[in-house]
Amino acid sequence: MKIVNTIAAGLVLVSLVAAGTADARGRSSFRSVQGAYGRDYETSRTAIRGNGSATVTRNAQTNGGYGVSTTRNRSVPDGTYASDVTHMTNNGTTRGRTTTATANGGLPRRAPFDPARRHDLLP
């Protein structure tokens, strides 16, 4: 039942974010699998991309009470890359990580290839 609540919250989030940004694109999918001996599971995925950022939420839930929800956020505004990921299980255990990188003075650019300067190819 927790997956249903998570999916509903994710769909509300998708509609709010998509309504707030004109260039944002959202996709979602849902899968329910009926396994042998009553072993079923459900998965869902929601992705919102646009304006230099992306948010992806994935959920998986078994009828045995096991499940996990993963949220990944990424943004690249003005030469700074920032991302974070959070995993939360049904028992409330949460783990995650954050990454940030800044381009000092802009992105590096390669000089155009000059065939007369063959030494550029040597180690």
N, C-alpha and C. Protein backbone atom coordinates (compact mmCIF):
# COMPACT_ATOMS: atom_id res chain seq x y z
N MET A 1 0.82 -1.19 0.00
CA MET A 1 0.00 0.00 0.00
C MET A 1 0.87 1.26 0.00
N LYS A 2 2.07 1.14 0.55
CA LYS A 2 2.94 2.30 0.60
C LYS A 2 3.33 2.77 -0.79
N ILE A 3 3.46 1.81 -1.72
CA ILE A 3 3.82 2.19 -3.09
C ILE A 3 2.72 3.03 -3.73
N VAL A 4 1.47 2.73 -3.41
CA VAL A 4 0.36 3.50 -3.98
C VAL A 4 0.43 4.94 -3.51
N ASN A 5 0.73 5.13 -2.23
CA ASN A 5 0.86 6.49 -1.71
C ASN A 5 2.03 7.21 -2.35
N THR A 6 3.13 6.48 -2.54
CA THR A 6 4.31 7.09 -3.15
C THR A 6 4.05 7.45 -4.59
N ILE A 7 3.35 6.57 -5.31
CA ILE A 7 3.01 6.86 -6.71
C ILE A 7 2.10 8.08 -6.79
N ALA A 8 1.11 8.15 -5.92
CA ALA A 8 0.21 9.29 -5.94
C ALA A 8 0.97 10.59 -5.66
N ALA A 9 1.89 10.54 -4.69
CA ALA A 9 2.69 11.73 -4.40
C ALA A 9 3.57 12.09 -5.58
N GLY A 10 4.12 11.08 -6.25
CA GLY A 10 4.96 11.33 -7.42
C GLY A 10 4.18 11.94 -8.57
N LEU A 11 2.95 11.48 -8.78
CA LEU A 11 2.14 12.03 -9.86
C LEU A 11 1.74 13.48 -9.56
N VAL A 12 1.47 13.78 -8.31
CA VAL A 12 1.18 15.16 -7.94
C VAL A 12 2.41 16.03 -8.17
N LEU A 13 3.58 15.52 -7.79
CA LEU A 13 4.82 16.25 -8.02
C LEU A 13 5.05 16.50 -9.50
N VAL A 14 4.79 15.50 -10.32
CA VAL A 14 4.96 15.65 -11.76
C VAL A 14 4.04 16.75 -12.29
N SER A 15 2.79 16.75 -11.87
CA SER A 15 1.86 17.74 -12.38
C SER A 15 2.23 19.15 -11.90
N LEU A 16 2.70 19.28 -10.66
CA LEU A 16 3.08 20.60 -10.16
C LEU A 16 4.31 21.14 -10.85
N VAL A 17 5.31 20.30 -11.02
CA VAL A 17 6.54 20.76 -11.66
C VAL A 17 6.31 21.03 -13.13
N ALA A 18 5.56 20.18 -13.81
CA ALA A 18 5.29 20.38 -15.23
C ALA A 18 4.47 21.66 -15.45
N ALA A 19 3.57 21.96 -14.53
CA ALA A 19 2.78 23.18 -14.68
C ALA A 19 3.62 24.42 -14.42
N GLY A 20 4.65 24.28 -13.57
CA GLY A 20 5.47 25.43 -13.21
C GLY A 20 6.50 25.81 -14.24
N THR A 21 6.95 24.88 -15.06
CA THR A 21 7.96 25.18 -16.06
C THR A 21 7.45 24.80 -17.43
N ALA A 22 7.53 25.75 -18.34
CA ALA A 22 6.97 25.53 -19.67
C ALA A 22 7.81 24.55 -20.48
N ASP A 23 9.14 24.52 -20.24
CA ASP A 23 10.01 23.67 -21.03
C ASP A 23 10.22 22.29 -20.43
N ALA A 24 9.70 22.03 -19.25
CA ALA A 24 9.92 20.74 -18.60
C ALA A 24 9.10 19.66 -19.29
N ARG A 25 9.73 18.48 -19.39
CA ARG A 25 9.06 17.32 -19.98
C ARG A 25 9.01 16.23 -18.93
N GLY A 26 7.88 15.58 -18.81
CA GLY A 26 7.73 14.53 -17.83
C GLY A 26 7.27 13.23 -18.47
N ARG A 27 7.73 12.13 -17.90
CA ARG A 27 7.31 10.80 -18.32
C ARG A 27 7.10 9.96 -17.09
N SER A 28 6.21 9.01 -17.18
CA SER A 28 6.02 8.09 -16.07
C SER A 28 5.60 6.73 -16.61
N SER A 29 5.90 5.71 -15.83
CA SER A 29 5.49 4.36 -16.19
C SER A 29 5.18 3.58 -14.92
N PHE A 30 4.38 2.56 -15.09
CA PHE A 30 3.96 1.71 -13.97
C PHE A 30 3.91 0.28 -14.45
N ARG A 31 4.41 -0.65 -13.65
CA ARG A 31 4.40 -2.06 -14.03
C ARG A 31 3.96 -2.88 -12.83
N SER A 32 3.05 -3.80 -13.07
CA SER A 32 2.60 -4.73 -12.04
C SER A 32 2.79 -6.14 -12.57
N VAL A 33 3.50 -6.98 -11.83
CA VAL A 33 3.82 -8.33 -12.28
C VAL A 33 3.22 -9.33 -11.30
N GLN A 34 2.48 -10.29 -11.84
CA GLN A 34 1.90 -11.37 -11.06
C GLN A 34 2.82 -12.57 -11.18
N GLY A 35 3.47 -12.96 -10.10
CA GLY A 35 4.40 -14.06 -10.14
C GLY A 35 3.78 -15.36 -9.66
N ALA A 36 4.56 -16.40 -9.72
CA ALA A 36 4.11 -17.71 -9.25
C ALA A 36 4.00 -17.72 -7.73
N TYR A 37 3.10 -18.52 -7.21
CA TYR A 37 2.91 -18.71 -5.77
C TYR A 37 2.59 -17.41 -5.04
N GLY A 38 1.91 -16.50 -5.70
CA GLY A 38 1.49 -15.26 -5.06
C GLY A 38 2.59 -14.24 -4.84
N ARG A 39 3.69 -14.39 -5.53
CA ARG A 39 4.80 -13.43 -5.39
C ARG A 39 4.65 -12.37 -6.47
N ASP A 40 4.16 -11.24 -6.06
CA ASP A 40 3.90 -10.15 -6.99
C ASP A 40 4.80 -8.96 -6.64
N TYR A 41 4.99 -8.10 -7.63
CA TYR A 41 5.68 -6.84 -7.34
C TYR A 41 5.17 -5.77 -8.29
N GLU A 42 5.38 -4.53 -7.88
CA GLU A 42 4.99 -3.38 -8.67
C GLU A 42 6.16 -2.40 -8.71
N THR A 43 6.35 -1.79 -9.87
CA THR A 43 7.39 -0.78 -10.01
C THR A 43 6.81 0.43 -10.71
N SER A 44 7.39 1.56 -10.44
CA SER A 44 6.99 2.79 -11.13
C SER A 44 8.22 3.66 -11.33
N ARG A 45 8.15 4.50 -12.32
CA ARG A 45 9.25 5.43 -12.62
C ARG A 45 8.64 6.73 -13.13
N THR A 46 9.12 7.83 -12.61
CA THR A 46 8.68 9.15 -13.04
C THR A 46 9.93 9.98 -13.32
N ALA A 47 9.97 10.62 -14.48
CA ALA A 47 11.12 11.45 -14.85
C ALA A 47 10.64 12.80 -15.33
N ILE A 48 11.29 13.84 -14.84
CA ILE A 48 11.00 15.21 -15.27
C ILE A 48 12.33 15.83 -15.67
N ARG A 49 12.39 16.30 -16.90
CA ARG A 49 13.63 16.91 -17.41
C ARG A 49 13.31 18.24 -18.06
N GLY A 50 14.24 19.16 -17.94
CA GLY A 50 14.07 20.44 -18.62
C GLY A 50 14.77 21.55 -17.87
N ASN A 51 15.10 22.60 -18.59
CA ASN A 51 15.72 23.80 -18.00
C ASN A 51 17.00 23.49 -17.24
N GLY A 52 17.80 22.55 -17.74
CA GLY A 52 19.08 22.24 -17.11
C GLY A 52 18.99 21.39 -15.87
N SER A 53 17.86 20.76 -15.61
CA SER A 53 17.73 19.91 -14.43
C SER A 53 16.91 18.67 -14.77
N ALA A 54 17.03 17.68 -13.91
CA ALA A 54 16.28 16.44 -14.08
C ALA A 54 15.99 15.84 -12.71
N THR A 55 14.82 15.25 -12.58
CA THR A 55 14.43 14.53 -11.37
C THR A 55 13.84 13.20 -11.80
N VAL A 56 14.37 12.12 -11.25
CA VAL A 56 13.87 10.78 -11.56
C VAL A 56 13.54 10.09 -10.26
N THR A 57 12.33 9.55 -10.16
CA THR A 57 11.89 8.81 -8.99
C THR A 57 11.53 7.40 -9.41
N ARG A 58 12.08 6.42 -8.71
CA ARG A 58 11.78 5.01 -8.97
C ARG A 58 11.28 4.36 -7.69
N ASN A 59 10.26 3.54 -7.83
CA ASN A 59 9.69 2.83 -6.69
C ASN A 59 9.56 1.36 -7.04
N ALA A 60 9.79 0.50 -6.07
CA ALA A 60 9.56 -0.93 -6.23
C ALA A 60 8.96 -1.45 -4.93
N GLN A 61 7.96 -2.31 -5.06
CA GLN A 61 7.25 -2.80 -3.89
C GLN A 61 6.84 -4.25 -4.14
N THR A 62 7.08 -5.13 -3.17
CA THR A 62 6.62 -6.51 -3.28
C THR A 62 5.41 -6.69 -2.38
N ASN A 63 4.65 -7.75 -2.65
CA ASN A 63 3.51 -8.01 -1.77
C ASN A 63 3.96 -8.60 -0.44
N GLY A 64 5.26 -8.91 -0.31
CA GLY A 64 5.81 -9.39 0.95
C GLY A 64 6.21 -8.27 1.89
N GLY A 65 5.99 -7.03 1.49
CA GLY A 65 6.28 -5.90 2.36
C GLY A 65 7.64 -5.27 2.16
N TYR A 66 8.39 -5.74 1.17
CA TYR A 66 9.69 -5.14 0.89
C TYR A 66 9.53 -4.09 -0.19
N GLY A 67 10.29 -3.02 -0.06
CA GLY A 67 10.20 -1.98 -1.07
C GLY A 67 11.26 -0.92 -0.89
N VAL A 68 11.47 -0.16 -1.96
CA VAL A 68 12.44 0.93 -1.92
C VAL A 68 11.96 2.04 -2.85
N SER A 69 12.26 3.25 -2.47
CA SER A 69 11.96 4.42 -3.29
C SER A 69 13.28 5.18 -3.49
N THR A 70 13.61 5.47 -4.74
CA THR A 70 14.86 6.16 -5.06
C THR A 70 14.54 7.45 -5.80
N THR A 71 15.13 8.53 -5.36
CA THR A 71 14.95 9.83 -6.01
C THR A 71 16.32 10.37 -6.39
N ARG A 72 16.47 10.76 -7.66
CA ARG A 72 17.71 11.35 -8.15
C ARG A 72 17.40 12.74 -8.70
N ASN A 73 18.18 13.71 -8.27
CA ASN A 73 18.05 15.09 -8.76
C ASN A 73 19.37 15.49 -9.39
N ARG A 74 19.29 16.23 -10.49
CA ARG A 74 20.50 16.71 -11.16
C ARG A 74 20.19 18.09 -11.72
N SER A 75 21.16 18.99 -11.58
CA SER A 75 21.01 20.31 -12.18
C SER A 75 22.37 20.81 -12.64
N VAL A 76 22.36 21.59 -13.71
CA VAL A 76 23.60 22.14 -14.27
C VAL A 76 23.37 23.62 -14.60
N PRO A 77 23.27 24.47 -13.59
CA PRO A 77 23.11 25.89 -13.88
C PRO A 77 24.46 26.60 -13.90
N ASP A 78 24.75 27.30 -14.96
CA ASP A 78 25.91 28.20 -15.03
C ASP A 78 27.24 27.54 -14.68
N GLY A 79 27.55 26.40 -15.26
CA GLY A 79 28.84 25.78 -15.05
C GLY A 79 29.01 25.02 -13.75
N THR A 80 27.97 24.87 -12.97
CA THR A 80 28.03 24.12 -11.73
C THR A 80 27.14 22.89 -11.86
N TYR A 81 27.71 21.72 -11.60
CA TYR A 81 26.96 20.47 -11.64
C TYR A 81 26.62 20.07 -10.22
N ALA A 82 25.37 19.79 -9.96
CA ALA A 82 24.95 19.34 -8.63
C ALA A 82 24.00 18.17 -8.79
N SER A 83 24.22 17.13 -8.00
CA SER A 83 23.31 15.98 -8.05
C SER A 83 23.21 15.37 -6.66
N ASP A 84 22.11 14.71 -6.42
CA ASP A 84 21.95 13.96 -5.19
C ASP A 84 21.03 12.78 -5.46
N VAL A 85 21.20 11.75 -4.67
CA VAL A 85 20.37 10.56 -4.77
C VAL A 85 20.02 10.12 -3.35
N THR A 86 18.76 9.71 -3.17
CA THR A 86 18.28 9.25 -1.87
C THR A 86 17.53 7.95 -2.06
N HIS A 87 17.84 6.95 -1.24
CA HIS A 87 17.15 5.67 -1.24
C HIS A 87 16.45 5.52 0.10
N MET A 88 15.15 5.18 0.07
CA MET A 88 14.41 4.97 1.31
C MET A 88 13.66 3.65 1.22
N THR A 89 13.84 2.79 2.23
CA THR A 89 13.18 1.50 2.26
C THR A 89 11.89 1.60 3.06
N ASN A 90 11.09 0.53 3.02
CA ASN A 90 9.81 0.53 3.74
C ASN A 90 9.97 0.67 5.24
N ASN A 91 11.09 0.19 5.79
CA ASN A 91 11.26 0.29 7.24
C ASN A 91 11.78 1.66 7.68
N GLY A 92 11.94 2.59 6.73
CA GLY A 92 12.35 3.94 7.06
C GLY A 92 13.83 4.21 6.96
N THR A 93 14.62 3.19 6.64
CA THR A 93 16.06 3.38 6.48
C THR A 93 16.33 4.23 5.26
N THR A 94 17.14 5.27 5.43
CA THR A 94 17.44 6.19 4.33
C THR A 94 18.95 6.28 4.16
N ARG A 95 19.38 6.29 2.91
CA ARG A 95 20.79 6.53 2.61
C ARG A 95 20.85 7.33 1.32
N GLY A 96 21.94 8.06 1.15
CA GLY A 96 22.06 8.87 -0.05
C GLY A 96 23.44 9.49 -0.17
N ARG A 97 23.60 10.25 -1.23
CA ARG A 97 24.86 10.94 -1.47
C ARG A 97 24.60 12.22 -2.26
N THR A 98 25.56 13.13 -2.20
CA THR A 98 25.46 14.40 -2.90
C THR A 98 26.78 14.66 -3.62
N THR A 99 26.69 15.21 -4.82
CA THR A 99 27.88 15.54 -5.61
C THR A 99 27.74 16.95 -6.14
N THR A 100 28.83 17.72 -6.06
CA THR A 100 28.85 19.06 -6.62
C THR A 100 30.20 19.27 -7.30
N ALA A 101 30.18 19.85 -8.48
CA ALA A 101 31.41 20.17 -9.21
C ALA A 101 31.24 21.53 -9.86
N THR A 102 32.29 22.32 -9.82
CA THR A 102 32.25 23.66 -10.41
C THR A 102 33.35 23.78 -11.45
N ALA A 103 33.00 24.32 -12.61
CA ALA A 103 33.99 24.57 -13.65
C ALA A 103 34.65 25.91 -13.34
N ASN A 104 35.94 25.88 -13.08
CA ASN A 104 36.67 27.09 -12.76
C ASN A 104 36.99 27.85 -14.04
N GLY A 105 36.32 28.92 -14.27
CA GLY A 105 36.56 29.72 -15.45
C GLY A 105 35.95 29.17 -16.72
N GLY A 106 35.03 28.26 -16.60
CA GLY A 106 34.37 27.72 -17.79
C GLY A 106 34.85 26.32 -18.10
N LEU A 107 34.26 25.75 -19.11
CA LEU A 107 34.59 24.40 -19.50
C LEU A 107 35.88 24.37 -20.32
N PRO A 108 36.71 23.34 -20.16
CA PRO A 108 37.94 23.27 -20.95
C PRO A 108 37.63 23.03 -22.42
N ARG A 109 38.39 23.63 -23.29
CA ARG A 109 38.19 23.49 -24.72
C ARG A 109 39.49 23.03 -25.35
N ARG A 110 39.38 22.15 -26.33
CA ARG A 110 40.55 21.66 -27.04
C ARG A 110 40.86 22.60 -28.20
N ALA A 111 42.13 22.75 -28.48
CA ALA A 111 42.55 23.54 -29.64
C ALA A 111 42.21 22.74 -30.90
N PRO A 112 41.95 23.42 -32.00
CA PRO A 112 41.66 22.69 -33.24
C PRO A 112 42.86 21.85 -33.65
N PHE A 113 42.58 20.72 -34.28
CA PHE A 113 43.63 19.80 -34.70
C PHE A 113 44.44 20.41 -35.83
N ASP A 114 45.75 20.35 -35.70
CA ASP A 114 46.66 20.87 -36.72
C ASP A 114 47.54 19.71 -37.18
N PRO A 115 47.37 19.23 -38.44
CA PRO A 115 48.16 18.08 -38.90
C PRO A 115 49.66 18.37 -38.94
N ALA A 116 50.06 19.63 -39.01
CA ALA A 116 51.48 19.95 -39.03
C ALA A 116 52.13 19.72 -37.66
N ARG A 117 51.32 19.67 -36.62
CA ARG A 117 51.84 19.48 -35.26
C ARG A 117 51.57 18.05 -34.83
N ARG A 118 52.25 17.11 -35.40
CA ARG A 118 52.06 15.69 -35.12
C ARG A 118 52.45 15.33 -33.68
N HIS A 119 53.31 16.12 -33.05
CA HIS A 119 53.73 15.81 -31.70
C HIS A 119 52.57 15.89 -30.71
N ASP A 120 51.46 16.52 -31.09
CA ASP A 120 50.28 16.55 -30.23
C ASP A 120 49.74 15.15 -30.00
N LEU A 121 49.96 14.25 -30.95
CA LEU A 121 49.41 12.91 -30.85
C LEU A 121 50.28 11.98 -30.02
N LEU A 122 51.54 12.36 -29.78
CA LEU A 122 52.44 11.50 -29.03
C LEU A 122 52.21 11.67 -27.54
N PRO A 123 52.46 10.59 -26.77
CA PRO A 123 52.25 10.70 -25.30
C PRO A 123 53.25 11.59 -24.62
